[in-house]
């Protein structure tokens, strides 16, 4: 069997939950089925709320030994539209939290802030964008994502975050 690897870069700001989303997706993939592996890790600059942060998720059908940052991602996920460089990605697909249709190849917009505000009561978009990503990646359906949420989030946050992920997943699946 040939190794299948998917690499994801999460772009956010401190406090938006980019690393939490990276962990949820990794746990969802690895814990959801035998023979799948994941690695998630953050990359912080100045450690303060609102500062740009990146997190990485690597998903594979073989053990992952490469602990380097992702340089040619299959997916770049932007939790904050202000971090998106407004150009087509050099590799893969960019998933951007935005109302705007950028009209660029390889760029998909989804108004995650609207959905998060309406369902969570706050514009924190990490789990919304994890649901959006799930609609593109085999093995990250809502059932698998729920395993990731259970593994990575405190019980008091699980129900609403599962609901918002499922909603984002279904809205993206309908639009594809």
Protein backbone atom coordinates (compact mmCIF):
# COMPACT_ATOMS: atom_id res chain seq x y z
CA UNK A 1 0.00 0.00 0.00
CA UNK A 2 1.30 3.45 -0.92
CA UNK A 3 1.56 6.04 1.81
CA UNK A 4 -1.06 8.75 1.58
CA UNK A 5 -0.03 11.99 3.28
CA UNK A 6 -1.95 15.23 3.71
CA UNK A 7 -0.27 18.31 5.15
CA UNK A 8 -2.17 21.29 6.53
CA UNK A 9 -1.08 24.74 7.69
CA UNK A 10 -3.42 26.66 9.98
CA UNK A 11 -3.09 30.47 10.00
CA UNK A 12 -4.70 32.34 12.86
CA UNK A 13 -4.13 34.84 15.61
CA UNK A 14 -3.33 34.07 19.22
CA UNK A 15 -6.56 33.12 20.97
CA UNK A 16 -8.41 31.95 17.83
CA UNK A 17 -7.65 28.28 18.44
CA UNK A 18 -5.47 27.41 15.43
CA UNK A 19 -3.49 24.85 17.42
CA UNK A 20 -6.66 23.43 18.94
CA UNK A 21 -8.08 22.95 15.42
CA UNK A 22 -4.82 21.30 14.32
CA UNK A 23 -5.02 18.91 17.27
CA UNK A 24 -8.71 18.12 16.71
CA UNK A 25 -8.14 17.26 13.05
CA UNK A 26 -5.09 15.14 13.86
CA UNK A 27 -6.89 13.24 16.61
CA UNK A 28 -9.97 12.78 14.42
CA UNK A 29 -7.91 11.25 11.63
CA UNK A 30 -5.67 9.02 13.76
CA UNK A 31 -8.25 7.83 16.27
CA UNK A 32 -11.02 7.40 13.72
CA UNK A 33 -9.61 4.32 11.99
CA UNK A 34 -6.83 1.74 12.39
CA UNK A 35 -3.69 2.36 10.33
CA UNK A 36 -3.83 6.14 10.26
CA UNK A 37 -1.35 8.49 11.88
CA UNK A 38 -1.25 12.19 12.65
CA UNK A 39 1.05 14.83 14.03
CA UNK A 40 0.02 18.34 15.11
CA UNK A 41 2.25 21.09 16.41
CA UNK A 42 2.25 24.88 16.78
CA UNK A 43 4.65 27.57 15.60
CA UNK A 44 4.43 30.73 17.66
CA UNK A 45 6.05 34.09 17.18
CA UNK A 46 5.40 36.62 19.93
CA UNK A 47 3.21 34.78 22.39
CA UNK A 48 0.35 37.19 22.89
CA UNK A 49 -3.32 37.31 22.07
CA UNK A 50 -3.90 38.59 18.55
CA UNK A 51 -0.38 37.93 17.24
CA UNK A 52 -0.17 35.80 14.07
CA UNK A 53 0.33 32.09 14.77
CA UNK A 54 0.63 29.02 12.62
CA UNK A 55 -0.09 25.42 13.44
CA UNK A 56 0.54 22.31 11.41
CA UNK A 57 -1.22 19.00 10.96
CA UNK A 58 0.21 16.03 9.12
CA UNK A 59 -2.05 13.10 8.32
CA UNK A 60 -0.71 9.83 6.93
CA UNK A 61 -1.37 6.16 6.36
CA UNK A 62 2.18 5.46 7.60
CA UNK A 63 3.99 6.55 10.77
CA UNK A 64 5.19 10.16 10.56
CA UNK A 65 8.81 10.83 11.47
CA UNK A 66 9.23 14.21 9.78
CA UNK A 67 8.75 16.88 12.46
CA UNK A 68 9.56 19.84 10.22
CA UNK A 69 7.14 22.64 9.43
CA UNK A 70 4.98 22.21 6.36
CA UNK A 71 6.28 24.15 3.36
CA UNK A 72 4.04 22.82 0.54
CA UNK A 73 0.66 22.22 2.17
CA UNK A 74 -2.24 20.38 0.64
CA UNK A 75 -4.47 22.78 2.57
CA UNK A 76 -3.85 26.24 4.04
CA UNK A 77 -6.62 27.18 6.46
CA UNK A 78 -7.05 30.87 7.33
CA UNK A 79 -9.05 31.49 10.49
CA UNK A 80 -8.58 35.24 9.99
CA UNK A 81 -9.13 36.78 6.55
CA UNK A 82 -6.55 39.47 7.36
CA UNK A 83 -3.80 36.83 7.23
CA UNK A 84 -4.76 35.62 3.75
CA UNK A 85 -2.30 37.04 1.14
CA UNK A 86 -5.06 37.44 -1.50
CA UNK A 87 -3.41 35.30 -4.13
CA UNK A 88 -3.74 31.72 -5.32
CA UNK A 89 -1.75 29.30 -3.19
CA UNK A 90 1.57 28.01 -4.53
CA UNK A 91 0.38 24.51 -3.59
CA UNK A 92 -2.88 22.94 -2.54
CA UNK A 93 -6.11 24.65 -1.60
CA UNK A 94 -6.60 27.72 0.60
CA UNK A 95 -9.70 27.67 2.82
CA UNK A 96 -10.42 31.22 3.95
CA UNK A 97 -12.81 32.48 6.60
CA UNK A 98 -14.40 35.23 4.52
CA UNK A 99 -17.66 36.46 3.03
CA UNK A 100 -15.72 37.54 -0.04
CA UNK A 101 -15.39 35.35 -3.12
CA UNK A 102 -11.81 36.09 -4.14
CA UNK A 103 -12.19 34.60 -7.62
CA UNK A 104 -8.77 32.96 -7.34
CA UNK A 105 -7.83 29.45 -8.38
CA UNK A 106 -7.41 27.14 -5.43
CA UNK A 107 -9.16 29.47 -2.97
CA UNK A 108 -12.41 28.56 -1.22
CA UNK A 109 -14.19 31.10 0.99
CA UNK A 110 -16.57 30.25 3.82
CA UNK A 111 -18.13 32.75 6.22
CA UNK A 112 -17.03 30.96 9.37
CA UNK A 113 -17.38 34.07 11.53
CA UNK A 114 -21.10 34.26 10.77
CA UNK A 115 -21.67 30.61 11.61
CA UNK A 116 -19.55 30.74 14.78
CA UNK A 117 -21.31 33.88 16.01
CA UNK A 118 -24.76 32.43 15.37
CA UNK A 119 -24.11 28.99 16.90
CA UNK A 120 -21.39 29.59 19.48
CA UNK A 121 -22.16 33.18 20.40
CA UNK A 122 -18.55 34.19 19.68
CA UNK A 123 -16.65 34.62 16.39
CA UNK A 124 -14.07 31.92 17.19
CA UNK A 125 -13.81 30.00 13.95
CA UNK A 126 -11.39 27.14 14.60
CA UNK A 127 -13.95 24.33 14.79
CA UNK A 128 -16.01 25.83 11.97
CA UNK A 129 -12.99 25.75 9.67
CA UNK A 130 -12.14 22.22 10.86
CA UNK A 131 -15.61 21.22 9.64
CA UNK A 132 -14.98 22.99 6.32
CA UNK A 133 -11.66 21.15 5.95
CA UNK A 134 -13.38 17.86 6.80
CA UNK A 135 -15.59 18.19 3.75
CA UNK A 136 -12.44 18.05 1.57
CA UNK A 137 -10.49 15.27 3.33
CA UNK A 138 -11.43 11.61 3.26
CA UNK A 139 -11.56 10.29 6.82
CA UNK A 140 -12.62 13.62 8.39
CA UNK A 141 -16.39 13.29 8.28
CA UNK A 142 -18.48 14.57 11.21
CA UNK A 143 -18.28 11.23 13.02
CA UNK A 144 -14.46 11.27 12.90
CA UNK A 145 -14.34 14.96 13.83
CA UNK A 146 -16.47 14.20 16.90
CA UNK A 147 -13.75 11.77 18.05
CA UNK A 148 -11.22 14.59 17.71
CA UNK A 149 -13.40 17.02 19.65
CA UNK A 150 -13.91 14.47 22.44
CA UNK A 151 -10.15 13.91 22.64
CA UNK A 152 -9.12 17.59 22.60
CA UNK A 153 -11.85 19.77 24.10
CA UNK A 154 -13.20 20.08 27.62
CA UNK A 155 -16.66 18.53 28.04
CA UNK A 156 -18.41 21.89 28.52
CA UNK A 157 -17.37 23.01 25.00
CA UNK A 158 -17.98 19.79 23.06
CA UNK A 159 -21.68 19.90 22.20
CA UNK A 160 -21.77 23.36 20.60
CA UNK A 161 -18.47 22.83 18.79
CA UNK A 162 -19.62 19.49 17.41
CA UNK A 163 -22.81 21.13 16.16
CA UNK A 164 -20.96 23.98 14.44
CA UNK A 165 -18.49 21.57 12.83
CA UNK A 166 -21.31 19.42 11.48
CA UNK A 167 -23.11 22.48 10.12
CA UNK A 168 -19.97 23.78 8.38
CA UNK A 169 -19.25 20.31 6.95
CA UNK A 170 -22.78 19.96 5.58
CA UNK A 171 -22.87 23.51 4.13
CA UNK A 172 -19.55 22.89 2.34
CA UNK A 173 -20.58 19.43 1.13
CA UNK A 174 -23.74 20.92 -0.43
CA UNK A 175 -21.71 23.67 -2.14
CA UNK A 176 -19.16 21.30 -3.71
